[in-house]
Amino acid sequence: MKNELSIYDSVKAIKRREQQELADALRKHGSKVDNGFEFHFEDECPIIGAYDYEEPCDVVILSARVDMDGYLKLIGDEKNDRGNPHSIEPDDVFAGQLDYVTSSIV
């Protein structure tokens, strides 16, 4: 008997839901910019677990953006190697971590 829902499928579903919730929060609370909405974190930036350069690490999120097509873009910096902000793909973020970004916006 084949399992209808694997743990991998569950993780993908959680990540999709978190990405949608973040996009919704950005549309509601972010600043309108060309072709989308963005939010810049100031004092306390959310720190999340993600793969950065194919290595798992803690990433300080500096800003988040969603375009009109729903594509998310995160700008972050490795917690232990600051000074090199760069784009982090939402799919590289560990499941359950984008909620820290969303809750820092709302």
PDB file of N, CA and C in Angstrom:
ATOM      1  N   MET A   1       0.843  -1.178   0.000  1.00  0.00           N
ATOM      2  CA  MET A   1       0.000   0.000   0.000  1.00  0.00           C
ATOM      3  C   MET A   1       0.894   1.250   0.000  1.00  0.00           C
ATOM      4  N   LYS A   2       0.653   2.124  -0.938  1.00  0.00           N
ATOM      5  CA  LYS A   2       1.463   3.331  -1.085  1.00  0.00           C
ATOM      6  C   LYS A   2       0.954   4.437  -0.167  1.00  0.00           C
ATOM      7  N   ASN A   3       1.900   5.104   0.506  1.00  0.00           N
ATOM      8  CA  ASN A   3       1.567   6.238   1.370  1.00  0.00           C
ATOM      9  C   ASN A   3       1.160   7.414   0.491  1.00  0.00           C
ATOM     10  N   GLU A   4      -0.024   7.929   0.700  1.00  0.00           N
ATOM     11  CA  GLU A   4      -0.539   9.031  -0.114  1.00  0.00           C
ATOM     12  C   GLU A   4       0.181  10.345   0.141  1.00  0.00           C
ATOM     13  N   LEU A   5       0.720  10.515   1.345  1.00  0.00           N
ATOM     14  CA  LEU A   5       1.356  11.767   1.692  1.00  0.00           C
ATOM     15  C   LEU A   5       2.648  11.466   2.445  1.00  0.00           C
ATOM     16  N   SER A   6       3.756  11.737   1.808  1.00  0.00           N
ATOM     17  CA  SER A   6       5.047  11.499   2.452  1.00  0.00           C
ATOM     18  C   SER A   6       5.411  12.701   3.313  1.00  0.00           C
ATOM     19  N   ILE A   7       6.409  12.542   4.165  1.00  0.00           N
ATOM     20  CA  ILE A   7       6.869  13.660   4.985  1.00  0.00           C
ATOM     21  C   ILE A   7       7.390  14.775   4.083  1.00  0.00           C
ATOM     22  N   TYR A   8       8.029  14.416   2.975  1.00  0.00           N
ATOM     23  CA  TYR A   8       8.530  15.417   2.037  1.00  0.00           C
ATOM     24  C   TYR A   8       7.379  16.251   1.478  1.00  0.00           C
ATOM     25  N   ASP A   9       6.262  15.600   1.141  1.00  0.00           N
ATOM     26  CA  ASP A   9       5.097  16.329   0.640  1.00  0.00           C
ATOM     27  C   ASP A   9       4.532  17.264   1.712  1.00  0.00           C
ATOM     28  N   SER A  10       4.547  16.808   2.959  1.00  0.00           N
ATOM     29  CA  SER A  10       4.066  17.637   4.062  1.00  0.00           C
ATOM     30  C   SER A  10       4.947  18.869   4.242  1.00  0.00           C
ATOM     31  N   VAL A  11       6.256  18.692   4.164  1.00  0.00           N
ATOM     32  CA  VAL A  11       7.194  19.809   4.299  1.00  0.00           C
ATOM     33  C   VAL A  11       6.982  20.806   3.162  1.00  0.00           C
ATOM     34  N   LYS A  12       6.817  20.318   1.943  1.00  0.00           N
ATOM     35  CA  LYS A  12       6.556  21.214   0.802  1.00  0.00           C
ATOM     36  C   LYS A  12       5.275  21.999   1.010  1.00  0.00           C
ATOM     37  N   ALA A  13       4.251  21.358   1.529  1.00  0.00           N
ATOM     38  CA  ALA A  13       2.970  22.036   1.760  1.00  0.00           C
ATOM     39  C   ALA A  13       3.118  23.122   2.821  1.00  0.00           C
ATOM     40  N   ILE A  14       3.867  22.838   3.876  1.00  0.00           N
ATOM     41  CA  ILE A  14       4.105  23.845   4.923  1.00  0.00           C
ATOM     42  C   ILE A  14       4.862  25.026   4.341  1.00  0.00           C
ATOM     43  N   LYS A  15       5.890  24.752   3.549  1.00  0.00           N
ATOM     44  CA  LYS A  15       6.683  25.834   2.969  1.00  0.00           C
ATOM     45  C   LYS A  15       5.838  26.691   2.027  1.00  0.00           C
ATOM     46  N   ARG A  16       4.983  26.065   1.221  1.00  0.00           N
ATOM     47  CA  ARG A  16       4.093  26.827   0.327  1.00  0.00           C
ATOM     48  C   ARG A  16       3.157  27.715   1.135  1.00  0.00           C
ATOM     49  N   ARG A  17       2.605  27.169   2.221  1.00  0.00           N
ATOM     50  CA  ARG A  17       1.685  27.955   3.061  1.00  0.00           C
ATOM     51  C   ARG A  17       2.416  29.130   3.713  1.00  0.00           C
ATOM     52  N   GLU A  18       3.612  28.888   4.221  1.00  0.00           N
ATOM     53  CA  GLU A  18       4.386  29.969   4.840  1.00  0.00           C
ATOM     54  C   GLU A  18       4.728  31.052   3.819  1.00  0.00           C
ATOM     55  N   GLN A  19       5.075  30.649   2.610  1.00  0.00           N
ATOM     56  CA  GLN A  19       5.395  31.622   1.574  1.00  0.00           C
ATOM     57  C   GLN A  19       4.168  32.452   1.219  1.00  0.00           C
ATOM     58  N   GLN A  20       3.002  31.824   1.154  1.00  0.00           N
ATOM     59  CA  GLN A  20       1.768  32.555   0.857  1.00  0.00           C
ATOM     60  C   GLN A  20       1.424  33.521   1.976  1.00  0.00           C
ATOM     61  N   GLU A  21       1.588  33.085   3.232  1.00  0.00           N
ATOM     62  CA  GLU A  21       1.304  33.966   4.369  1.00  0.00           C
ATOM     63  C   GLU A  21       2.250  35.163   4.386  1.00  0.00           C
ATOM     64  N   LEU A  22       3.518  34.946   4.057  1.00  0.00           N
ATOM     65  CA  LEU A  22       4.472  36.052   3.998  1.00  0.00           C
ATOM     66  C   LEU A  22       4.096  37.012   2.874  1.00  0.00           C
ATOM     67  N   ALA A  23       3.752  36.489   1.716  1.00  0.00           N
ATOM     68  CA  ALA A  23       3.349  37.340   0.595  1.00  0.00           C
ATOM     69  C   ALA A  23       2.128  38.177   0.970  1.00  0.00           C
ATOM     70  N   ASP A  24       1.159  37.564   1.635  1.00  0.00           N
ATOM     71  CA  ASP A  24      -0.043  38.296   2.061  1.00  0.00           C
ATOM     72  C   ASP A  24       0.315  39.406   3.053  1.00  0.00           C
ATOM     73  N   ALA A  25       1.206  39.107   4.012  1.00  0.00           N
ATOM     74  CA  ALA A  25       1.617  40.116   4.996  1.00  0.00           C
ATOM     75  C   ALA A  25       2.346  41.271   4.310  1.00  0.00           C
ATOM     76  N   LEU A  26       3.170  40.967   3.331  1.00  0.00           N
ATOM     77  CA  LEU A  26       3.889  42.022   2.613  1.00  0.00           C
ATOM     78  C   LEU A  26       2.924  42.906   1.840  1.00  0.00           C
ATOM     79  N   ARG A  27       1.923  42.303   1.218  1.00  0.00           N
ATOM     80  CA  ARG A  27       0.930  43.096   0.482  1.00  0.00           C
ATOM     81  C   ARG A  27       0.139  44.008   1.427  1.00  0.00           C
ATOM     82  N   LYS A  28      -0.116  43.534   2.637  1.00  0.00           N
ATOM     83  CA  LYS A  28      -0.916  44.292   3.593  1.00  0.00           C
ATOM     84  C   LYS A  28      -0.097  45.338   4.356  1.00  0.00           C
ATOM     85  N   HIS A  29       1.130  45.006   4.753  1.00  0.00           N
ATOM     86  CA  HIS A  29       1.903  45.874   5.642  1.00  0.00           C
ATOM     87  C   HIS A  29       3.161  46.458   5.011  1.00  0.00           C
ATOM     88  N   GLY A  30       3.523  45.984   3.825  1.00  0.00           N
ATOM     89  CA  GLY A  30       4.745  46.466   3.190  1.00  0.00           C
ATOM     90  C   GLY A  30       4.548  47.790   2.477  1.00  0.00           C
ATOM     91  N   SER A  31       5.652  48.364   2.064  1.00  0.00           N
ATOM     92  CA  SER A  31       5.625  49.608   1.289  1.00  0.00           C
ATOM     93  C   SER A  31       5.482  49.271  -0.187  1.00  0.00           C
ATOM     94  N   LYS A  32       4.636  50.017  -0.868  1.00  0.00           N
ATOM     95  CA  LYS A  32       4.443  49.823  -2.310  1.00  0.00           C
ATOM     96  C   LYS A  32       5.702  50.277  -3.037  1.00  0.00           C
ATOM     97  N   VAL A  33       6.217  49.411  -3.903  1.00  0.00           N
ATOM     98  CA  VAL A  33       7.376  49.712  -4.744  1.00  0.00           C
ATOM     99  C   VAL A  33       7.046  49.275  -6.165  1.00  0.00           C
ATOM    100  N   ASP A  34       7.935  49.573  -7.098  1.00  0.00           N
ATOM    101  CA  ASP A  34       7.711  49.141  -8.478  1.00  0.00           C
ATOM    102  C   ASP A  34       7.337  47.661  -8.495  1.00  0.00           C
ATOM    103  N   ASN A  35       6.220  47.346  -9.056  1.00  0.00           N
ATOM    104  CA  ASN A  35       5.820  45.968  -9.292  1.00  0.00           C
ATOM    105  C   ASN A  35       5.729  45.119  -8.025  1.00  0.00           C
ATOM    106  N   GLY A  36       5.457  45.706  -6.860  1.00  0.00           N
ATOM    107  CA  GLY A  36       5.305  44.879  -5.679  1.00  0.00           C
ATOM    108  C   GLY A  36       5.276  45.637  -4.369  1.00  0.00           C
ATOM    109  N   PHE A  37       5.553  44.899  -3.300  1.00  0.00           N
ATOM    110  CA  PHE A  37       5.570  45.430  -1.947  1.00  0.00           C
ATOM    111  C   PHE A  37       6.804  44.895  -1.233  1.00  0.00           C
ATOM    112  N   GLU A  38       7.398  45.729  -0.364  1.00  0.00           N
ATOM    113  CA  GLU A  38       8.560  45.261   0.375  1.00  0.00           C
ATOM    114  C   GLU A  38       8.546  45.798   1.801  1.00  0.00           C
ATOM    115  N   PHE A  39       9.319  45.131   2.637  1.00  0.00           N
ATOM    116  CA  PHE A  39       9.428  45.505   4.046  1.00  0.00           C
ATOM    117  C   PHE A  39      10.898  45.406   4.437  1.00  0.00           C
ATOM    118  N   HIS A  40      11.412  46.467   5.056  1.00  0.00           N
ATOM    119  CA  HIS A  40      12.798  46.494   5.531  1.00  0.00           C
ATOM    120  C   HIS A  40      12.793  46.401   7.051  1.00  0.00           C
ATOM    121  N   PHE A  41      13.564  45.481   7.573  1.00  0.00           N
ATOM    122  CA  PHE A  41      13.663  45.308   9.018  1.00  0.00           C
ATOM    123  C   PHE A  41      14.738  46.242   9.542  1.00  0.00           C
ATOM    124  N   GLU A  42      14.443  46.864  10.651  1.00  0.00           N
ATOM    125  CA  GLU A  42      15.358  47.865  11.195  1.00  0.00           C
ATOM    126  C   GLU A  42      16.055  47.338  12.442  1.00  0.00           C
ATOM    127  N   ASP A  43      15.510  47.586  13.595  1.00  0.00           N
ATOM    128  CA  ASP A  43      16.177  47.271  14.862  1.00  0.00           C
ATOM    129  C   ASP A  43      16.423  45.771  15.051  1.00  0.00           C
ATOM    130  N   GLU A  44      15.363  45.021  15.221  1.00  0.00           N
ATOM    131  CA  GLU A  44      15.495  43.585  15.444  1.00  0.00           C
ATOM    132  C   GLU A  44      15.080  42.838  14.191  1.00  0.00           C
ATOM    133  N   CYS A  45      16.057  42.326  13.487  1.00  0.00           N
ATOM    134  CA  CYS A  45      15.803  41.560  12.269  1.00  0.00           C
ATOM    135  C   CYS A  45      15.511  40.106  12.629  1.00  0.00           C
ATOM    136  N   PRO A  46      14.567  39.480  11.928  1.00  0.00           N
ATOM    137  CA  PRO A  46      14.323  38.067  12.199  1.00  0.00           C
ATOM    138  C   PRO A  46      15.528  37.231  11.756  1.00  0.00           C
ATOM    139  N   ILE A  47      15.803  36.193  12.504  1.00  0.00           N
ATOM    140  CA  ILE A  47      16.883  35.257  12.183  1.00  0.00           C
ATOM    141  C   ILE A  47      16.240  33.907  11.924  1.00  0.00           C
ATOM    142  N   ILE A  48      16.548  33.321  10.765  1.00  0.00           N
ATOM    143  CA  ILE A  48      15.924  32.064  10.359  1.00  0.00           C
ATOM    144  C   ILE A  48      16.985  31.054   9.941  1.00  0.00           C
ATOM    145  N   GLY A  49      16.586  29.796   9.934  1.00  0.00           N
ATOM    146  CA  GLY A  49      17.443  28.735   9.439  1.00  0.00           C
ATOM    147  C   GLY A  49      17.210  28.543   7.949  1.00  0.00           C
ATOM    148  N   ALA A  50      18.294  28.470   7.196  1.00  0.00           N
ATOM    149  CA  ALA A  50      18.183  28.302   5.748  1.00  0.00           C
ATOM    150  C   ALA A  50      19.478  27.715   5.197  1.00  0.00           C
ATOM    151  N   TYR A  51      19.392  27.246   3.971  1.00  0.00           N
ATOM    152  CA  TYR A  51      20.604  26.871   3.242  1.00  0.00           C
ATOM    153  C   TYR A  51      21.110  28.121   2.549  1.00  0.00           C
ATOM    154  N   ASP A  52      22.343  28.464   2.810  1.00  0.00           N
ATOM    155  CA  ASP A  52      22.961  29.614   2.181  1.00  0.00           C
ATOM    156  C   ASP A  52      24.264  29.118   1.560  1.00  0.00           C
ATOM    157  N   TYR A  53      24.402  29.295   0.279  1.00  0.00           N
ATOM    158  CA  TYR A  53      25.547  28.723  -0.444  1.00  0.00           C
ATOM    159  C   TYR A  53      25.628  27.218  -0.178  1.00  0.00           C
ATOM    160  N   GLU A  54      24.453  26.570  -0.163  1.00  0.00           N
ATOM    161  CA  GLU A  54      24.294  25.130   0.011  1.00  0.00           C
ATOM    162  C   GLU A  54      24.723  24.608   1.378  1.00  0.00           C
ATOM    163  N   GLU A  55      24.921  25.492   2.341  1.00  0.00           N
ATOM    164  CA  GLU A  55      25.273  25.108   3.701  1.00  0.00           C
ATOM    165  C   GLU A  55      24.169  25.579   4.650  1.00  0.00           C
ATOM    166  N   PRO A  56      23.759  24.732   5.606  1.00  0.00           N
ATOM    167  CA  PRO A  56      22.759  25.191   6.572  1.00  0.00           C
ATOM    168  C   PRO A  56      23.374  26.213   7.528  1.00  0.00           C
ATOM    169  N   CYS A  57      22.630  27.277   7.803  1.00  0.00           N
ATOM    170  CA  CYS A  57      23.136  28.314   8.708  1.00  0.00           C
ATOM    171  C   CYS A  57      21.985  29.193   9.187  1.00  0.00           C
ATOM    172  N   ASP A  58      22.297  30.069  10.135  1.00  0.00           N
ATOM    173  CA  ASP A  58      21.355  31.091  10.582  1.00  0.00           C
ATOM    174  C   ASP A  58      21.529  32.307   9.685  1.00  0.00           C
ATOM    175  N   VAL A  59      20.412  32.850   9.206  1.00  0.00           N
ATOM    176  CA  VAL A  59      20.429  33.993   8.298  1.00  0.00           C
ATOM    177  C   VAL A  59      19.628  35.135   8.913  1.00  0.00           C
ATOM    178  N   VAL A  60      20.230  36.301   8.973  1.00  0.00           N
ATOM    179  CA  VAL A  60      19.567  37.509   9.435  1.00  0.00           C
ATOM    180  C   VAL A  60      18.840  38.103   8.224  1.00  0.00           C
ATOM    181  N   ILE A  61      17.526  38.226   8.312  1.00  0.00           N
ATOM    182  CA  ILE A  61      16.741  38.759   7.193  1.00  0.00           C
ATOM    183  C   ILE A  61      16.682  40.274   7.316  1.00  0.00           C
ATOM    184  N   LEU A  62      17.137  40.952   6.280  1.00  0.00           N
ATOM    185  CA  LEU A  62      17.191  42.407   6.251  1.00  0.00           C
ATOM    186  C   LEU A  62      15.971  43.007   5.558  1.00  0.00           C
ATOM    187  N   SER A  63      15.453  42.297   4.544  1.00  0.00           N
ATOM    188  CA  SER A  63      14.259  42.781   3.847  1.00  0.00           C
ATOM    189  C   SER A  63      13.563  41.623   3.142  1.00  0.00           C
ATOM    190  N   ALA A  64      12.298  41.838   2.844  1.00  0.00           N
ATOM    191  CA  ALA A  64      11.491  40.867   2.111  1.00  0.00           C
ATOM    192  C   ALA A  64      10.648  41.628   1.102  1.00  0.00           C
ATOM    193  N   ARG A  65      10.410  40.997  -0.040  1.00  0.00           N
ATOM    194  CA  ARG A  65       9.659  41.646  -1.105  1.00  0.00           C
ATOM    195  C   ARG A  65       8.817  40.606  -1.832  1.00  0.00           C
ATOM    196  N   VAL A  66       7.645  41.027  -2.278  1.00  0.00           N
ATOM    197  CA  VAL A  66       6.809  40.194  -3.143  1.00  0.00           C
ATOM    198  C   VAL A  66       6.447  41.024  -4.360  1.00  0.00           C
ATOM    199  N   ASP A  67       6.562  40.427  -5.549  1.00  0.00           N
ATOM    200  CA  ASP A  67       6.171  41.158  -6.751  1.00  0.00           C
ATOM    201  C   ASP A  67       4.717  40.841  -7.094  1.00  0.00           C
ATOM    202  N   MET A  68       4.206  41.475  -8.129  1.00  0.00           N
ATOM    203  CA  MET A  68       2.794  41.328  -8.499  1.00  0.00           C
ATOM    204  C   MET A  68       2.447  39.897  -8.920  1.00  0.00           C
ATOM    205  N   ASP A  69       3.449  39.111  -9.307  1.00  0.00           N
ATOM    206  CA  ASP A  69       3.225  37.717  -9.683  1.00  0.00           C
ATOM    207  C   ASP A  69       3.315  36.774  -8.491  1.00  0.00           C
ATOM    208  N   GLY A  70       3.606  37.326  -7.289  1.00  0.00           N
ATOM    209  CA  GLY A  70       3.682  36.508  -6.093  1.00  0.00           C
ATOM    210  C   GLY A  70       5.058  35.948  -5.795  1.00  0.00           C
ATOM    211  N   TYR A  71       6.069  36.337  -6.580  1.00  0.00           N
ATOM    212  CA  TYR A  71       7.421  35.847  -6.336  1.00  0.00           C
ATOM    213  C   TYR A  71       8.030  36.569  -5.137  1.00  0.00           C
ATOM    214  N   LEU A  72       8.525  35.793  -4.176  1.00  0.00           N
ATOM    215  CA  LEU A  72       9.158  36.341  -2.982  1.00  0.00           C
ATOM    216  C   LEU A  72      10.657  36.473  -3.173  1.00  0.00           C
ATOM    217  N   LYS A  73      11.198  37.531  -2.596  1.00  0.00           N
ATOM    218  CA  LYS A  73      12.642  37.734  -2.586  1.00  0.00           C
ATOM    219  C   LYS A  73      13.031  38.161  -1.180  1.00  0.00           C
ATOM    220  N   LEU A  74      14.001  37.457  -0.606  1.00  0.00           N
ATOM    221  CA  LEU A  74      14.510  37.786   0.720  1.00  0.00           C
ATOM    222  C   LEU A  74      15.951  38.258   0.581  1.00  0.00           C
ATOM    223  N   ILE A  75      16.309  39.302   1.305  1.00  0.00           N
ATOM    224  CA  ILE A  75      17.699  39.742   1.378  1.00  0.00           C
ATOM    225  C   ILE A  75      18.167  39.432   2.792  1.00  0.00           C
ATOM    226  N   GLY A  76      19.242  38.675   2.892  1.00  0.00           N
ATOM    227  CA  GLY A  76      19.737  38.274   4.192  1.00  0.00           C
ATOM    228  C   GLY A  76      21.251  38.264   4.244  1.00  0.00           C
ATOM    229  N   ASP A  77      21.738  37.995   5.427  1.00  0.00           N
ATOM    230  CA  ASP A  77      23.166  37.993   5.694  1.00  0.00           C
ATOM    231  C   ASP A  77      23.424  36.887   6.713  1.00  0.00           C
ATOM    232  N   GLU A  78      24.428  36.071   6.476  1.00  0.00           N
ATOM    233  CA  GLU A  78      24.736  35.015   7.437  1.00  0.00           C
ATOM    234  C   GLU A  78      25.015  35.629   8.806  1.00  0.00           C
ATOM    235  N   LYS A  79      24.424  35.045   9.824  1.00  0.00           N
ATOM    236  CA  LYS A  79      24.554  35.585  11.176  1.00  0.00           C
ATOM    237  C   LYS A  79      26.017  35.650  11.618  1.00  0.00           C
ATOM    238  N   ASN A  80      26.801  34.648  11.280  1.00  0.00           N
ATOM    239  CA  ASN A  80      28.187  34.572  11.738  1.00  0.00           C
ATOM    240  C   ASN A  80      29.192  35.126  10.739  1.00  0.00           C
ATOM    241  N   ASP A  81      28.707  35.713   9.662  1.00  0.00           N
ATOM    242  CA  ASP A  81      29.605  36.276   8.642  1.00  0.00           C
ATOM    243  C   ASP A  81      28.922  37.497   8.034  1.00  0.00           C
ATOM    244  N   ARG A  82      28.709  38.522   8.866  1.00  0.00           N
ATOM    245  CA  ARG A  82      27.962  39.705   8.450  1.00  0.00           C
ATOM    246  C   ARG A  82      28.757  40.555   7.475  1.00  0.00           C
ATOM    247  N   GLY A  83      28.040  41.369   6.718  1.00  0.00           N
ATOM    248  CA  GLY A  83      28.671  42.306   5.802  1.00  0.00           C
ATOM    249  C   GLY A  83      28.566  41.911   4.340  1.00  0.00           C
ATOM    250  N   ASN A  84      27.800  40.852   4.049  1.00  0.00           N
ATOM    251  CA  ASN A  84      27.654  40.410   2.671  1.00  0.00           C
ATOM    252  C   ASN A  84      26.180  40.099   2.378  1.00  0.00           C
ATOM    253  N   PRO A  85      25.294  41.113   2.449  1.00  0.00           N
ATOM    254  CA  PRO A  85      23.883  40.853   2.186  1.00  0.00           C
ATOM    255  C   PRO A  85      23.672  40.353   0.758  1.00  0.00           C
ATOM    256  N   HIS A  86      22.782  39.379   0.618  1.00  0.00           N
ATOM    257  CA  HIS A  86      22.503  38.805  -0.699  1.00  0.00           C
ATOM    258  C   HIS A  86      21.122  38.150  -0.691  1.00  0.00           C
ATOM    259  N   SER A  87      20.680  37.760  -1.852  1.00  0.00           N
ATOM    260  CA  SER A  87      19.359  37.169  -2.024  1.00  0.00           C
ATOM    261  C   SER A  87      19.327  35.737  -1.483  1.00  0.00           C
ATOM    262  N   ILE A  88      18.265  35.424  -0.771  1.00  0.00           N
ATOM    263  CA  ILE A  88      18.016  34.077  -0.252  1.00  0.00           C
ATOM    264  C   ILE A  88      16.735  33.581  -0.916  1.00  0.00           C
ATOM    265  N   GLU A  89      16.795  32.430  -1.540  1.00  0.00           N
ATOM    266  CA  GLU A  89      15.604  31.871  -2.182  1.00  0.00           C
ATOM    267  C   GLU A  89      14.642  31.345  -1.112  1.00  0.00           C
ATOM    268  N   PRO A  90      13.359  31.650  -1.232  1.00  0.00           N
ATOM    269  CA  PRO A  90      12.394  31.181  -0.238  1.00  0.00           C
ATOM    270  C   PRO A  90      12.390  29.654  -0.070  1.00  0.00           C
ATOM    271  N   ASP A  91      12.646  28.917  -1.143  1.00  0.00           N
ATOM    272  CA  ASP A  91      12.670  27.458  -1.045  1.00  0.00           C
ATOM    273  C   ASP A  91      13.878  26.949  -0.267  1.00  0.00           C
ATOM    274  N   ASP A  92      14.894  27.794  -0.074  1.00  0.00           N
ATOM    275  CA  ASP A  92      16.080  27.405   0.699  1.00  0.00           C
ATOM    276  C   ASP A  92      15.889  27.600   2.205  1.00  0.00           C
ATOM    277  N   VAL A  93      14.772  28.196   2.587  1.00  0.00           N
ATOM    278  CA  VAL A  93      14.463  28.418   4.002  1.00  0.00           C
ATOM    279  C   VAL A  93      13.863  27.137   4.570  1.00  0.00           C
ATOM    280  N   PHE A  94      14.294  26.759   5.765  1.00  0.00           N
ATOM    281  CA  PHE A  94      13.782  25.558   6.411  1.00  0.00           C
ATOM    282  C   PHE A  94      12.294  25.725   6.705  1.00  0.00           C
ATOM    283  N   ALA A  95      11.555  24.640   6.610  1.00  0.00           N
ATOM    284  CA  ALA A  95      10.129  24.656   6.930  1.00  0.00           C
ATOM    285  C   ALA A  95       9.940  25.133   8.368  1.00  0.00           C
ATOM    286  N   GLY A  96       8.957  25.986   8.572  1.00  0.00           N
ATOM    287  CA  GLY A  96       8.650  26.509   9.891  1.00  0.00           C
ATOM    288  C   GLY A  96       9.399  27.785  10.238  1.00  0.00           C
ATOM    289  N   GLN A  97      10.279  28.259   9.356  1.00  0.00           N
ATOM    290  CA  GLN A  97      11.107  29.414   9.661  1.00  0.00           C
ATOM    291  C   GLN A  97      10.566  30.732   9.105  1.00  0.00           C
ATOM    292  N   LEU A  98       9.867  30.698   7.972  1.00  0.00           N
ATOM    293  CA  LEU A  98       9.351  31.948   7.393  1.00  0.00           C
ATOM    294  C   LEU A  98       8.335  32.625   8.306  1.00  0.00           C
ATOM    295  N   ASP A  99       7.745  31.864   9.198  1.00  0.00           N
ATOM    296  CA  ASP A  99       6.793  32.447  10.139  1.00  0.00           C
ATOM    297  C   ASP A  99       7.455  33.515  11.005  1.00  0.00           C
ATOM    298  N   TYR A 100       8.758  33.357  11.296  1.00  0.00           N
ATOM    299  CA  TYR A 100       9.474  34.371  12.064  1.00  0.00           C
ATOM    300  C   TYR A 100       9.535  35.691  11.286  1.00  0.00           C
ATOM    301  N   VAL A 101       9.663  35.601   9.988  1.00  0.00           N
ATOM    302  CA  VAL A 101       9.696  36.802   9.152  1.00  0.00           C
ATOM    303  C   VAL A 101       8.315  37.437   9.119  1.00  0.00           C
ATOM    304  N   THR A 102       7.297  36.601   8.861  1.00  0.00           N
ATOM    305  CA  THR A 102       5.918  37.094   8.790  1.00  0.00           C
ATOM    306  C   THR A 102       5.508  37.744  10.107  1.00  0.00           C
ATOM    307  N   SER A 103       5.796  37.103  11.230  1.00  0.00           N
ATOM    308  CA  SER A 103       5.383  37.658  12.517  1.00  0.00           C
ATOM    309  C   SER A 103       6.158  38.921  12.874  1.00  0.00           C
ATOM    310  N   SER A 104       7.305  39.154  12.261  1.00  0.00           N
ATOM    311  CA  SER A 104       8.038  40.394  12.473  1.00  0.00           C
ATOM    312  C   SER A 104       7.450  41.554  11.676  1.00  0.00           C
ATOM    313  N   ILE A 105       6.612  41.238  10.706  1.00  0.00           N
ATOM    314  CA  ILE A 105       5.970  42.262   9.868  1.00  0.00           C
ATOM    315  C   ILE A 105       4.633  42.686  10.461  1.00  0.00           C
ATOM    316  N   VAL A 106       3.846  41.713  10.919  1.00  0.00           N
ATOM    317  CA  VAL A 106       2.487  42.012  11.388  1.00  0.00           C
ATOM    318  C   VAL A 106       2.437  42.338  12.856  1.00  0.00           C
TER     319      VAL A 106
END
